[in-house]
Amino acid sequence: MKDILDTVILIMFVIMVAMFIINFNRQQIKKHTDKVAKNEEKNKAKDTINE
């Protein structure tokens, strides 16, 4: 019985760690995507001023 409980707890822990990593990666990807979009807007504004 203890082995089954240990296995269930270990599986739950692994799932929680995986979800944390997945969500952290999504957050970082969104942050960098927003940064790239902001830089592109700056460059477009710069290009229109230089023309």
C-alpha atoms as a PDB file:
ATOM      1  CA  MET A   1       0.000   0.000   0.000  1.00  0.00           C
ATOM      2  CA  LYS A   2       2.824   2.406   0.867  1.00  0.00           C
ATOM      3  CA  ASP A   3       4.506   1.671  -2.477  1.00  0.00           C
ATOM      4  CA  ILE A   4       1.340   2.606  -4.354  1.00  0.00           C
ATOM      5  CA  LEU A   5       0.969   5.824  -2.368  1.00  0.00           C
ATOM      6  CA  ASP A   6       4.627   6.738  -2.952  1.00  0.00           C
ATOM      7  CA  THR A   7       4.212   6.110  -6.681  1.00  0.00           C
ATOM      8  CA  VAL A   8       1.077   8.288  -6.869  1.00  0.00           C
ATOM      9  CA  ILE A   9       2.775  11.118  -4.978  1.00  0.00           C
ATOM     10  CA  LEU A  10       5.856  10.874  -7.217  1.00  0.00           C
ATOM     11  CA  ILE A  11       3.691  10.972 -10.362  1.00  0.00           C
ATOM     12  CA  MET A  12       1.801  14.016  -9.044  1.00  0.00           C
ATOM     13  CA  PHE A  13       5.095  15.759  -8.251  1.00  0.00           C
ATOM     14  CA  VAL A  14       6.455  15.071 -11.739  1.00  0.00           C
ATOM     15  CA  ILE A  15       3.240  16.397 -13.315  1.00  0.00           C
ATOM     16  CA  MET A  16       3.396  19.575 -11.194  1.00  0.00           C
ATOM     17  CA  VAL A  17       7.028  20.188 -12.146  1.00  0.00           C
ATOM     18  CA  ALA A  18       6.211  19.606 -15.823  1.00  0.00           C
ATOM     19  CA  MET A  19       3.292  22.059 -15.673  1.00  0.00           C
ATOM     20  CA  PHE A  20       5.506  24.656 -13.981  1.00  0.00           C
ATOM     21  CA  ILE A  21       8.156  24.317 -16.685  1.00  0.00           C
ATOM     22  CA  ILE A  22       5.578  24.474 -19.495  1.00  0.00           C
ATOM     23  CA  ASN A  23       3.907  27.587 -18.066  1.00  0.00           C
ATOM     24  CA  PHE A  24       7.260  29.266 -17.390  1.00  0.00           C
ATOM     25  CA  ASN A  25       8.322  28.628 -20.985  1.00  0.00           C
ATOM     26  CA  ARG A  26       5.036  30.040 -22.301  1.00  0.00           C
ATOM     27  CA  GLN A  27       5.528  33.147 -20.180  1.00  0.00           C
ATOM     28  CA  GLN A  28       9.082  33.643 -21.440  1.00  0.00           C
ATOM     29  CA  ILE A  29       8.051  33.083 -25.065  1.00  0.00           C
ATOM     30  CA  LYS A  30       5.275  35.682 -24.699  1.00  0.00           C
ATOM     31  CA  LYS A  31       7.686  38.144 -23.089  1.00  0.00           C
ATOM     32  CA  HIS A  32      10.201  37.814 -25.904  1.00  0.00           C
ATOM     33  CA  THR A  33       7.489  37.906 -28.596  1.00  0.00           C
ATOM     34  CA  ASP A  34       6.162  41.155 -27.141  1.00  0.00           C
ATOM     35  CA  LYS A  35       9.693  42.562 -27.033  1.00  0.00           C
ATOM     36  CA  VAL A  36      10.298  41.671 -30.690  1.00  0.00           C
ATOM     37  CA  ALA A  37       6.968  43.216 -31.692  1.00  0.00           C
ATOM     38  CA  LYS A  38       7.833  46.429 -29.825  1.00  0.00           C
ATOM     39  CA  ASN A  39      11.234  46.595 -31.533  1.00  0.00           C
ATOM     40  CA  GLU A  40       9.612  46.087 -34.938  1.00  0.00           C
ATOM     41  CA  GLU A  41       7.197  48.945 -34.250  1.00  0.00           C
ATOM     42  CA  LYS A  42      10.123  51.181 -33.278  1.00  0.00           C
ATOM     43  CA  ASN A  43      11.973  50.261 -36.470  1.00  0.00           C
ATOM     44  CA  LYS A  44       8.900  50.954 -38.630  1.00  0.00           C
ATOM     45  CA  ALA A  45       8.457  54.341 -36.960  1.00  0.00           C
ATOM     46  CA  LYS A  46      12.142  55.091 -37.519  1.00  0.00           C
ATOM     47  CA  ASP A  47      11.901  54.078 -41.190  1.00  0.00           C
ATOM     48  CA  THR A  48       8.896  56.318 -41.824  1.00  0.00           C
ATOM     49  CA  ILE A  49      10.693  59.278 -40.179  1.00  0.00           C
ATOM     50  CA  ASN A  50      13.832  58.704 -42.272  1.00  0.00           C
ATOM     51  CA  GLU A  51      11.914  58.582 -45.557  1.00  0.00           C
END
